[in-house]
N, C-alpha and C. Protein backbone atom coordinates (compact mmCIF):
# COMPACT_ATOMS: atom_id res chain seq x y z
N MET A 1 8.26 18.48 -71.93
CA MET A 1 6.71 18.28 -71.31
C MET A 1 6.35 19.80 -72.00
N SER A 2 5.15 19.20 -71.95
CA SER A 2 3.76 20.31 -73.03
C SER A 2 3.57 21.63 -72.68
N GLY A 3 3.28 22.95 -73.19
CA GLY A 3 2.95 23.86 -72.34
C GLY A 3 2.08 24.15 -71.23
N LEU A 4 0.47 22.95 -71.58
CA LEU A 4 -0.12 22.77 -70.80
C LEU A 4 0.39 21.27 -69.66
N GLU A 5 1.50 21.25 -69.35
CA GLU A 5 1.66 19.85 -68.88
C GLU A 5 2.29 20.83 -67.52
N VAL A 6 1.87 20.20 -66.15
CA VAL A 6 2.07 20.80 -65.18
C VAL A 6 3.19 19.38 -63.76
N SER A 7 3.93 20.65 -63.18
CA SER A 7 5.58 19.04 -63.42
C SER A 7 4.76 18.87 -61.80
N ARG A 8 4.73 18.10 -60.93
CA ARG A 8 4.08 17.46 -60.04
C ARG A 8 4.80 18.08 -58.82
N ARG A 9 5.60 19.23 -58.97
CA ARG A 9 6.15 20.17 -58.31
C ARG A 9 4.80 20.76 -57.97
N GLU A 10 4.60 21.15 -59.35
CA GLU A 10 3.53 22.78 -59.03
C GLU A 10 2.54 21.99 -59.00
N GLN A 11 2.34 20.26 -59.15
CA GLN A 11 0.80 20.00 -58.26
C GLN A 11 0.32 20.00 -56.93
N ALA A 12 1.49 19.69 -56.50
CA ALA A 12 1.90 19.92 -55.65
C ALA A 12 1.45 20.93 -54.46
N ALA A 13 1.83 21.94 -55.38
CA ALA A 13 2.11 23.82 -54.21
C ALA A 13 0.21 24.53 -54.78
N TRP A 14 -0.03 23.59 -55.50
CA TRP A 14 -1.92 24.16 -56.07
C TRP A 14 -1.96 23.46 -54.54
N SER A 15 -1.80 21.85 -55.07
CA SER A 15 -2.84 21.35 -53.43
C SER A 15 -3.01 21.60 -52.50
N THR A 16 -1.02 21.77 -51.70
CA THR A 16 -0.76 22.89 -51.13
C THR A 16 -1.99 24.15 -50.98
N ARG A 17 -1.86 24.98 -51.26
CA ARG A 17 -2.64 26.38 -51.44
C ARG A 17 -3.87 26.06 -51.51
N GLU A 18 -4.49 25.19 -52.20
CA GLU A 18 -6.18 24.26 -52.14
C GLU A 18 -6.72 23.62 -50.41
N HIS A 19 -5.27 23.54 -50.07
CA HIS A 19 -5.05 22.82 -48.16
C HIS A 19 -5.47 23.86 -47.78
N VAL A 20 -4.55 24.98 -48.27
CA VAL A 20 -5.08 26.68 -47.17
C VAL A 20 -5.83 27.16 -47.19
N ARG A 21 -6.69 26.96 -48.46
CA ARG A 21 -8.28 27.98 -48.00
C ARG A 21 -8.86 26.68 -47.55
N ARG A 22 -9.52 25.25 -47.14
CA ARG A 22 -9.94 24.28 -46.55
C ARG A 22 -9.75 24.11 -45.00
N VAL A 23 -8.28 24.93 -44.80
CA VAL A 23 -8.19 25.05 -43.47
C VAL A 23 -8.35 26.24 -43.03
N ALA A 24 -8.62 26.92 -43.83
CA ALA A 24 -10.07 28.65 -43.27
C ALA A 24 -11.38 28.74 -43.23
N VAL A 25 -11.69 27.82 -44.21
CA VAL A 25 -12.74 27.05 -44.17
C VAL A 25 -13.08 26.46 -42.77
N THR A 26 -12.58 25.75 -42.54
CA THR A 26 -12.81 24.83 -41.09
C THR A 26 -12.63 24.79 -40.48
N ALA A 27 -11.55 25.27 -39.87
CA ALA A 27 -10.95 26.05 -38.57
C ALA A 27 -11.01 27.61 -38.29
N PHE A 28 -11.10 28.36 -39.51
CA PHE A 28 -11.13 29.82 -39.46
C PHE A 28 -12.92 30.12 -39.37
N ASP A 29 -13.65 29.70 -39.82
CA ASP A 29 -15.41 29.84 -39.64
C ASP A 29 -15.44 31.36 -41.21
N THR A 30 -14.84 30.89 -42.18
CA THR A 30 -15.03 31.79 -43.14
C THR A 30 -15.90 30.98 -44.70
N THR A 31 -16.15 31.46 -45.64
CA THR A 31 -16.24 30.23 -47.34
C THR A 31 -15.76 30.81 -47.84
N GLU A 32 -15.82 30.38 -48.85
CA GLU A 32 -15.60 30.76 -50.19
C GLU A 32 -16.65 30.80 -51.64
N TYR A 33 -15.98 31.51 -52.41
CA TYR A 33 -16.32 32.32 -53.80
C TYR A 33 -15.42 32.15 -54.56
N ARG A 34 -15.99 32.60 -55.71
CA ARG A 34 -15.35 32.07 -57.24
C ARG A 34 -15.51 33.17 -57.91
N GLU A 35 -13.96 33.70 -57.85
CA GLU A 35 -13.86 35.13 -58.45
C GLU A 35 -13.50 35.22 -59.82
N PRO A 36 -13.95 35.93 -60.68
CA PRO A 36 -13.16 35.81 -62.15
C PRO A 36 -11.76 36.40 -62.24
N ILE A 37 -11.11 35.42 -63.44
CA ILE A 37 -10.08 36.04 -63.93
C ILE A 37 -9.94 36.73 -64.35
N GLU A 38 -9.26 37.98 -64.00
CA GLU A 38 -9.46 39.35 -65.33
C GLU A 38 -8.47 39.31 -66.26
N GLY A 39 -9.32 38.87 -67.70
CA GLY A 39 -9.05 38.93 -69.16
C GLY A 39 -8.81 37.76 -69.41
N PHE A 40 -9.86 36.67 -68.70
CA PHE A 40 -10.49 35.28 -68.98
C PHE A 40 -12.23 35.11 -69.09
N HIS A 41 -12.10 34.53 -69.97
CA HIS A 41 -13.94 34.71 -70.12
C HIS A 41 -14.05 33.26 -69.44
N GLY A 42 -15.06 33.32 -68.43
CA GLY A 42 -16.05 32.40 -67.61
C GLY A 42 -14.65 31.36 -67.19
N VAL A 43 -13.75 31.75 -66.61
CA VAL A 43 -12.16 31.42 -65.70
C VAL A 43 -12.38 32.48 -64.67
N SER A 44 -12.40 31.21 -64.06
CA SER A 44 -12.90 32.07 -62.10
C SER A 44 -11.94 30.80 -61.31
N ARG A 45 -11.60 31.67 -60.23
CA ARG A 45 -10.43 30.60 -59.38
C ARG A 45 -11.71 30.85 -57.89
N PRO A 46 -11.11 30.02 -56.22
CA PRO A 46 -11.59 30.14 -55.10
C PRO A 46 -11.37 31.27 -54.62
N VAL A 47 -11.67 31.60 -53.69
CA VAL A 47 -10.47 33.10 -52.89
C VAL A 47 -12.36 33.20 -51.89
N LEU A 48 -11.11 33.16 -50.75
CA LEU A 48 -11.79 33.44 -49.09
C LEU A 48 -12.73 34.55 -49.16
N THR A 49 -13.54 34.63 -48.23
CA THR A 49 -14.46 35.36 -47.98
C THR A 49 -13.84 36.69 -47.44
N ASP A 50 -12.89 36.00 -46.13
CA ASP A 50 -12.08 36.78 -45.46
C ASP A 50 -11.19 36.40 -45.38
N PRO A 51 -9.89 37.06 -46.17
CA PRO A 51 -8.87 36.73 -46.58
C PRO A 51 -8.28 36.48 -44.75
N LEU A 52 -7.77 36.95 -43.67
CA LEU A 52 -7.37 36.78 -42.98
C LEU A 52 -7.47 35.66 -41.62
N ALA A 53 -8.60 35.31 -42.17
CA ALA A 53 -8.65 33.55 -42.48
C ALA A 53 -7.44 32.76 -42.94
N GLY A 54 -7.58 33.62 -44.28
CA GLY A 54 -6.79 32.87 -44.84
C GLY A 54 -5.19 33.20 -44.47
N VAL A 55 -4.84 33.68 -43.55
CA VAL A 55 -3.61 33.98 -43.03
C VAL A 55 -3.18 33.38 -41.80
N ARG A 56 -4.99 33.20 -41.03
CA ARG A 56 -4.22 32.69 -40.15
C ARG A 56 -4.54 30.98 -40.50
N ALA A 57 -4.88 30.86 -41.60
CA ALA A 57 -4.77 29.29 -42.32
C ALA A 57 -3.36 29.13 -43.05
N GLY A 58 -2.62 30.01 -43.38
CA GLY A 58 -1.52 29.97 -43.80
C GLY A 58 0.17 29.47 -42.63
N ARG A 59 -0.53 30.55 -41.14
CA ARG A 59 -0.45 30.65 -40.74
C ARG A 59 0.24 29.42 -39.80
N LEU A 60 -0.84 27.94 -39.58
CA LEU A 60 -1.15 27.51 -39.00
C LEU A 60 -0.22 25.98 -39.72
N VAL A 61 -0.06 26.46 -40.93
CA VAL A 61 0.26 24.74 -42.10
C VAL A 61 1.49 25.13 -42.30
N ALA A 62 1.87 26.83 -42.63
CA ALA A 62 3.33 26.59 -42.45
C ALA A 62 4.13 26.30 -41.09
N GLU A 63 3.44 26.04 -39.99
CA GLU A 63 3.68 26.24 -38.51
C GLU A 63 3.88 24.88 -38.74
N VAL A 64 3.46 23.57 -38.88
CA VAL A 64 2.46 22.20 -38.85
C VAL A 64 3.83 21.97 -40.01
N ALA A 65 4.01 22.94 -41.75
CA ALA A 65 5.11 22.81 -42.22
C ALA A 65 6.54 22.58 -41.32
N HIS A 66 5.82 23.75 -41.75
CA HIS A 66 7.72 22.85 -40.71
C HIS A 66 8.72 22.59 -39.87
N GLY A 67 7.24 22.14 -39.20
CA GLY A 67 7.79 20.76 -37.83
C GLY A 67 8.25 19.26 -38.41
N ALA A 68 6.65 19.31 -39.76
CA ALA A 68 7.41 17.48 -40.97
C ALA A 68 8.27 17.85 -41.58
N LEU A 69 9.19 19.11 -41.43
CA LEU A 69 10.31 19.17 -42.44
C LEU A 69 11.39 19.23 -41.22
N ARG A 70 11.59 19.28 -40.22
CA ARG A 70 12.18 19.42 -39.27
C ARG A 70 12.33 17.52 -38.63
N ASP A 71 11.51 16.89 -38.86
CA ASP A 71 11.23 15.66 -38.69
C ASP A 71 11.61 14.64 -38.94
N CYS A 72 11.44 15.35 -40.88
CA CYS A 72 12.06 14.64 -41.90
C CYS A 72 13.47 14.81 -42.09
N ALA A 73 13.70 16.40 -41.64
CA ALA A 73 15.89 16.20 -41.58
C ALA A 73 16.12 15.38 -40.75
N LEU A 74 15.29 15.08 -39.40
CA LEU A 74 15.87 14.70 -38.20
C LEU A 74 16.43 13.37 -38.53
N ARG A 75 15.15 12.57 -38.96
CA ARG A 75 14.83 11.01 -40.10
C ARG A 75 16.58 11.20 -40.99
N ALA A 76 17.01 11.89 -41.58
CA ALA A 76 17.46 11.86 -42.51
C ALA A 76 19.28 11.90 -41.85
N ARG A 77 19.58 12.62 -40.80
CA ARG A 77 20.43 12.83 -40.28
C ARG A 77 20.51 11.33 -39.41
N GLY A 78 18.99 10.71 -38.92
CA GLY A 78 19.25 8.93 -38.16
C GLY A 78 19.90 8.40 -39.42
N ALA A 79 19.01 8.45 -40.79
CA ALA A 79 19.46 6.78 -41.91
C ALA A 79 20.77 7.75 -42.31
N GLY A 80 21.76 9.04 -41.47
CA GLY A 80 22.90 8.86 -42.31
C GLY A 80 23.85 10.21 -42.87
N HIS A 81 22.91 10.39 -43.30
CA HIS A 81 22.21 11.85 -44.17
C HIS A 81 23.33 12.65 -43.71
N SER A 82 24.34 13.92 -44.14
CA SER A 82 25.19 15.06 -43.33
C SER A 82 23.98 16.02 -43.15
N TRP A 83 24.21 17.14 -42.65
CA TRP A 83 23.53 18.42 -42.53
C TRP A 83 23.74 19.17 -43.37
N ASP A 84 24.93 18.71 -44.40
CA ASP A 84 24.85 19.09 -45.71
C ASP A 84 24.25 18.71 -46.44
N ALA A 85 24.22 17.34 -46.60
CA ALA A 85 22.99 17.46 -47.92
C ALA A 85 21.14 17.58 -47.60
N VAL A 86 21.19 17.72 -45.68
CA VAL A 86 20.36 18.61 -46.05
C VAL A 86 20.18 19.56 -45.93
N GLY A 87 21.35 20.33 -46.47
CA GLY A 87 21.08 21.75 -46.51
C GLY A 87 21.24 21.73 -47.93
N HIS A 88 21.39 20.95 -48.78
CA HIS A 88 21.35 20.07 -50.15
C HIS A 88 20.06 21.03 -51.09
N ALA A 89 18.95 19.21 -50.33
CA ALA A 89 17.87 19.37 -49.87
C ALA A 89 17.05 20.94 -49.68
N LEU A 90 17.44 21.23 -48.46
CA LEU A 90 16.40 22.53 -49.11
C LEU A 90 16.62 23.92 -49.32
N GLU A 91 17.93 23.20 -50.64
CA GLU A 91 18.49 23.79 -51.85
C GLU A 91 18.68 25.47 -50.82
N LEU A 92 19.62 24.57 -50.00
CA LEU A 92 20.65 26.27 -49.91
C LEU A 92 21.65 26.29 -50.42
N PRO A 93 22.62 27.87 -50.81
CA PRO A 93 23.31 27.21 -51.51
C PRO A 93 24.73 27.15 -50.52
N ALA A 94 25.92 26.47 -51.60
CA ALA A 94 26.72 25.72 -50.47
C ALA A 94 27.67 26.44 -49.58
N ASP A 95 27.96 27.96 -50.18
CA ASP A 95 27.93 29.16 -49.17
C ASP A 95 27.20 30.02 -48.02
N ALA A 96 26.20 29.65 -47.53
CA ALA A 96 25.03 30.23 -47.61
C ALA A 96 24.86 31.14 -46.81
N GLY A 97 25.26 32.69 -47.24
CA GLY A 97 25.30 33.68 -46.79
C GLY A 97 26.87 33.66 -45.34
N GLY A 98 27.74 33.02 -46.20
CA GLY A 98 29.40 32.60 -45.43
C GLY A 98 29.06 31.68 -44.54
N GLU A 99 28.47 31.30 -45.03
CA GLU A 99 28.70 30.28 -43.67
C GLU A 99 28.73 27.81 -44.57
N ALA A 100 28.80 27.71 -43.86
CA ALA A 100 28.40 26.58 -43.68
C ALA A 100 27.27 25.03 -44.70
N ARG A 101 26.88 25.32 -45.92
CA ARG A 101 25.33 24.72 -45.78
C ARG A 101 25.00 24.02 -44.74
N GLY A 102 25.62 23.48 -44.28
CA GLY A 102 24.74 22.06 -43.81
C GLY A 102 24.88 23.37 -41.59
N GLU A 103 25.12 24.25 -41.56
CA GLU A 103 25.68 25.13 -40.64
C GLU A 103 23.86 25.40 -40.79
N ALA A 104 24.12 26.31 -41.87
CA ALA A 104 23.13 27.43 -42.31
C ALA A 104 21.49 26.14 -42.05
N ALA A 105 22.40 25.07 -42.75
CA ALA A 105 20.30 23.94 -41.94
C ALA A 105 20.36 23.65 -40.70
N TRP A 106 21.18 22.97 -40.01
CA TRP A 106 21.07 23.44 -38.53
C TRP A 106 20.26 25.16 -37.53
N GLU A 107 20.49 25.79 -38.16
CA GLU A 107 20.44 27.56 -37.85
C GLU A 107 19.37 27.72 -38.28
N TRP A 108 18.45 27.15 -39.51
CA TRP A 108 16.93 27.07 -39.71
C TRP A 108 15.87 25.90 -39.08
N LEU A 109 16.41 24.92 -39.00
CA LEU A 109 15.33 23.67 -38.49
C LEU A 109 15.83 23.99 -37.25
N VAL A 110 17.07 23.83 -36.37
CA VAL A 110 16.65 23.51 -35.39
C VAL A 110 17.04 24.85 -34.03
N GLU A 111 17.58 25.45 -34.63
CA GLU A 111 17.47 27.02 -33.59
C GLU A 111 16.67 28.18 -35.06
N HIS A 112 15.52 27.69 -35.38
CA HIS A 112 14.24 28.59 -35.74
C HIS A 112 15.32 29.87 -36.81
N ARG A 113 16.26 29.71 -36.88
CA ARG A 113 16.55 30.92 -37.63
C ARG A 113 17.42 30.88 -39.29
N PRO A 114 16.24 31.08 -40.41
CA PRO A 114 15.70 31.06 -41.65
C PRO A 114 16.89 31.35 -42.70
N PRO A 115 17.48 31.60 -42.77
CA PRO A 115 19.00 31.72 -43.67
C PRO A 115 18.51 33.66 -44.53
N PRO A 116 19.40 33.79 -44.29
CA PRO A 116 18.38 35.35 -44.83
C PRO A 116 18.29 35.48 -46.90
N PRO A 117 17.80 36.85 -46.99
CA PRO A 117 16.76 35.86 -48.57
C PRO A 117 18.48 36.23 -49.71
N ARG A 118 18.69 35.90 -50.55
CA ARG A 118 19.08 35.57 -51.43
C ARG A 118 19.35 37.06 -51.50
N ALA A 119 21.26 37.12 -51.82
CA ALA A 119 21.21 38.74 -52.75
C ALA A 119 20.92 38.86 -54.01
N GLY A 120 21.06 39.77 -54.20
CA GLY A 120 20.52 40.10 -55.57
C GLY A 120 18.94 40.12 -55.51
N THR A 121 17.96 40.57 -54.87
CA THR A 121 16.94 40.03 -54.86
C THR A 121 16.08 41.58 -55.33
N GLY A 122 16.34 43.12 -55.00
CA GLY A 122 16.33 43.91 -54.98
C GLY A 122 15.76 43.49 -53.67
N LEU A 123 15.21 45.76 -53.18
CA LEU A 123 13.87 45.92 -52.25
C LEU A 123 12.81 44.89 -52.61
N ALA A 124 12.79 44.23 -50.72
CA ALA A 124 11.48 43.66 -50.81
C ALA A 124 10.01 45.20 -51.38
N SER A 125 9.11 43.80 -51.89
CA SER A 125 7.80 44.57 -51.55
C SER A 125 6.79 43.33 -52.05
N ALA A 126 5.92 43.77 -52.36
CA ALA A 126 4.13 42.32 -52.88
C ALA A 126 3.45 43.13 -53.57
N VAL A 127 2.35 42.94 -54.66
CA VAL A 127 2.00 43.16 -55.59
C VAL A 127 0.79 42.06 -55.37
N TRP A 128 -0.86 43.04 -54.50
CA TRP A 128 -1.97 42.81 -55.14
C TRP A 128 -3.50 44.02 -54.94
N THR A 129 -3.74 43.72 -55.41
CA THR A 129 -5.47 44.77 -56.22
C THR A 129 -5.84 44.55 -54.90
N CYS A 130 -6.47 46.50 -55.34
CA CYS A 130 -7.03 47.13 -54.66
C CYS A 130 -8.39 46.75 -54.52
N THR A 131 -9.63 46.44 -53.71
CA THR A 131 -10.25 46.24 -53.83
C THR A 131 -11.21 47.41 -53.94
N THR A 132 -11.09 48.34 -53.83
CA THR A 132 -11.48 49.95 -54.01
C THR A 132 -11.51 50.12 -55.01
N CYS A 133 -10.40 50.57 -56.08
CA CYS A 133 -9.25 50.83 -56.96
C CYS A 133 -9.26 50.14 -58.35
N ARG A 134 -9.12 48.82 -57.68
CA ARG A 134 -8.78 47.45 -58.93
C ARG A 134 -7.91 47.88 -59.64
N ALA A 135 -7.39 48.37 -59.12
CA ALA A 135 -5.85 48.68 -59.52
C ALA A 135 -5.28 48.11 -58.61
N ARG A 136 -3.70 47.32 -59.18
CA ARG A 136 -2.10 46.90 -59.19
C ARG A 136 -1.54 47.57 -58.07
N VAL A 137 -1.14 47.60 -57.27
CA VAL A 137 -0.84 48.16 -56.32
C VAL A 137 1.03 47.33 -55.83
N ARG A 138 2.10 48.17 -55.79
CA ARG A 138 3.12 48.06 -54.71
C ARG A 138 3.39 48.20 -54.08
N ASP A 139 3.67 46.80 -52.53
CA ASP A 139 3.68 47.26 -51.42
C ASP A 139 4.73 47.36 -50.33
N ARG A 140 5.11 48.06 -50.76
CA ARG A 140 7.02 48.20 -49.70
C ARG A 140 6.51 48.07 -48.36
N GLY A 141 5.41 47.75 -47.54
CA GLY A 141 5.71 47.13 -46.07
C GLY A 141 4.95 48.56 -45.80
N PRO A 142 4.61 48.06 -44.84
CA PRO A 142 4.31 49.75 -43.29
C PRO A 142 5.72 50.47 -42.76
N PHE A 143 6.43 50.88 -43.28
CA PHE A 143 7.80 51.28 -42.25
C PHE A 143 7.84 52.79 -43.03
N ALA A 144 7.29 52.74 -44.33
CA ALA A 144 7.76 54.64 -44.68
C ALA A 144 6.38 55.49 -44.12
N SER A 145 6.67 56.64 -43.67
CA SER A 145 5.65 57.79 -42.98
C SER A 145 3.82 57.74 -44.28
N HIS A 146 4.53 58.62 -44.69
CA HIS A 146 3.73 58.69 -46.19
C HIS A 146 3.37 57.44 -47.13
N PRO A 147 1.46 57.49 -47.03
CA PRO A 147 1.04 56.78 -47.67
C PRO A 147 1.27 55.73 -49.40
N ASP A 148 1.77 57.05 -50.04
CA ASP A 148 2.48 56.52 -51.68
C ASP A 148 3.51 56.23 -51.00
N ASP A 149 4.27 56.59 -50.03
CA ASP A 149 5.28 56.06 -49.87
C ASP A 149 5.53 54.25 -49.28
N ARG A 150 4.55 53.87 -49.08
CA ARG A 150 4.66 52.12 -48.95
C ARG A 150 3.49 51.83 -50.01
N GLU A 151 2.69 52.60 -50.53
CA GLU A 151 1.79 52.02 -51.27
C GLU A 151 2.05 52.77 -52.80
N ALA A 152 2.06 51.98 -53.37
CA ALA A 152 2.52 52.84 -55.15
C ALA A 152 1.11 51.90 -55.94
N GLY A 153 0.79 52.44 -56.86
CA GLY A 153 -0.56 52.32 -57.83
C GLY A 153 -1.78 52.68 -58.00
N HIS A 154 -2.52 52.78 -56.79
CA HIS A 154 -3.49 53.21 -56.47
C HIS A 154 -4.08 53.98 -57.42
N GLU A 155 -5.14 54.18 -57.80
CA GLU A 155 -6.28 55.09 -58.67
C GLU A 155 -5.76 56.34 -58.06
N HIS A 156 -5.63 57.54 -59.28
CA HIS A 156 -5.06 58.99 -57.80
C HIS A 156 -6.31 59.45 -57.36
N ASP A 157 -7.70 58.96 -57.87
CA ASP A 157 -9.23 59.14 -57.13
C ASP A 157 -9.50 58.14 -56.30
N CYS A 158 -8.48 57.02 -55.83
CA CYS A 158 -9.18 55.98 -54.84
C CYS A 158 -9.15 56.58 -53.65
N ALA A 159 -10.68 56.36 -53.09
CA ALA A 159 -11.82 56.40 -52.11
C ALA A 159 -10.10 55.42 -50.71
N ARG A 160 -9.47 54.83 -50.98
CA ARG A 160 -8.82 53.92 -50.05
C ARG A 160 -7.35 54.94 -50.00
N ARG A 161 -6.97 55.04 -51.19
CA ARG A 161 -6.09 56.14 -50.66
C ARG A 161 -6.11 57.57 -50.75
N LEU A 162 -6.79 58.00 -50.70
CA LEU A 162 -7.43 59.68 -50.10
C LEU A 162 -7.48 59.24 -48.67
N ALA A 163 -8.63 58.41 -48.52
CA ALA A 163 -8.62 58.29 -46.55
C ALA A 163 -6.96 58.08 -46.20
N ALA A 164 -6.48 57.19 -46.97
CA ALA A 164 -4.81 57.12 -45.88
C ALA A 164 -3.88 58.28 -45.71
N LEU A 165 -4.44 59.15 -46.71
CA LEU A 165 -4.08 60.06 -47.30
C LEU A 165 -4.80 61.29 -46.07
N GLU A 166 -5.49 61.25 -45.75
CA GLU A 166 -6.62 62.24 -44.64
C GLU A 166 -5.43 61.97 -44.07
N ALA A 167 -5.78 60.44 -43.28
CA ALA A 167 -5.32 60.12 -41.65
C ALA A 167 -3.69 60.59 -41.74
N TRP A 168 -3.14 60.86 -42.57
CA TRP A 168 -1.58 60.37 -42.51
C TRP A 168 -1.59 62.18 -42.22
N GLN A 169 -2.12 63.33 -42.50
CA GLN A 169 -1.73 64.68 -42.40
C GLN A 169 -2.54 64.92 -41.31
N ARG A 170 -4.20 64.61 -40.99
CA ARG A 170 -4.88 65.15 -39.60
C ARG A 170 -3.38 64.34 -38.38
N GLN A 171 -2.39 62.91 -38.22
CA GLN A 171 -1.51 62.77 -37.67
C GLN A 171 -0.84 63.93 -37.60
N ALA A 172 0.19 64.06 -38.98
CA ALA A 172 0.73 65.63 -39.08
C ALA A 172 0.33 66.57 -38.15
N ARG A 173 -0.43 67.05 -38.46
CA ARG A 173 -0.78 68.38 -37.62
C ARG A 173 -1.11 68.06 -36.27
N ASP A 174 -1.31 67.06 -36.15
CA ASP A 174 -1.78 66.59 -34.28
C ASP A 174 -0.39 65.82 -33.61
N ASP A 175 0.40 65.66 -34.50
CA ASP A 175 1.61 66.11 -33.79
C ASP A 175 2.14 67.59 -34.48
N GLU A 176 2.37 67.85 -34.72
CA GLU A 176 2.95 69.87 -34.94
C GLU A 176 1.92 70.33 -33.84
N GLU A 177 0.85 69.61 -33.00
CA GLU A 177 0.58 71.09 -32.21
C GLU A 177 0.42 70.06 -31.06
N GLY A 178 0.29 69.04 -31.02
CA GLY A 178 0.91 68.59 -30.09
C GLY A 178 -0.66 68.23 -29.33
N GLY A 179 -1.14 67.30 -30.44
CA GLY A 179 -2.55 66.61 -30.46
C GLY A 179 -2.53 65.44 -29.11
N PRO A 180 -3.54 64.99 -29.76
CA PRO A 180 -4.25 63.64 -28.76
C PRO A 180 -2.85 62.93 -28.46
N ASP A 181 -2.08 62.40 -29.30
CA ASP A 181 -0.90 61.54 -29.08
C ASP A 181 -0.29 62.20 -28.35
N ALA A 182 0.90 62.90 -28.38
CA ALA A 182 1.62 64.11 -27.88
C ALA A 182 1.61 64.47 -26.51
């Protein structure tokens, strides 16, 4: 396979992402526009005008996909395949978190308890581009109190970052003084 060829699995993933955008437009009342890809002259990608419609569509597609996954697993069982074979098809390790692969597959598909993340993945984070300062931001989730502990990478003078810091400082003062939420 050359550098320009794409595997069938990658083509299916692209098609699925495109489907999520179509579902967002059809079912969740948003539109698409073309966003230039930074560093590539004349190249753009489709983006939803309302990213939350994409979140809703992604959730719907994931729920439907999980139902299809479960149905296929049960059909595989009906065809004589073991739960271990189902777990292997799910790419679960033979010892999935201290339990047999077949047990992990059952818990995922029947009991709706997906396996834990694989060890060694480090602290969970996500990276996105801030639409205010255009910087790449590493998001560690909504768990820390201070905005800079939740999101790192904003430009120092980013209006979004400064507003979050101001809100954090105001909340800290209110908490200290027994303010509105006390």
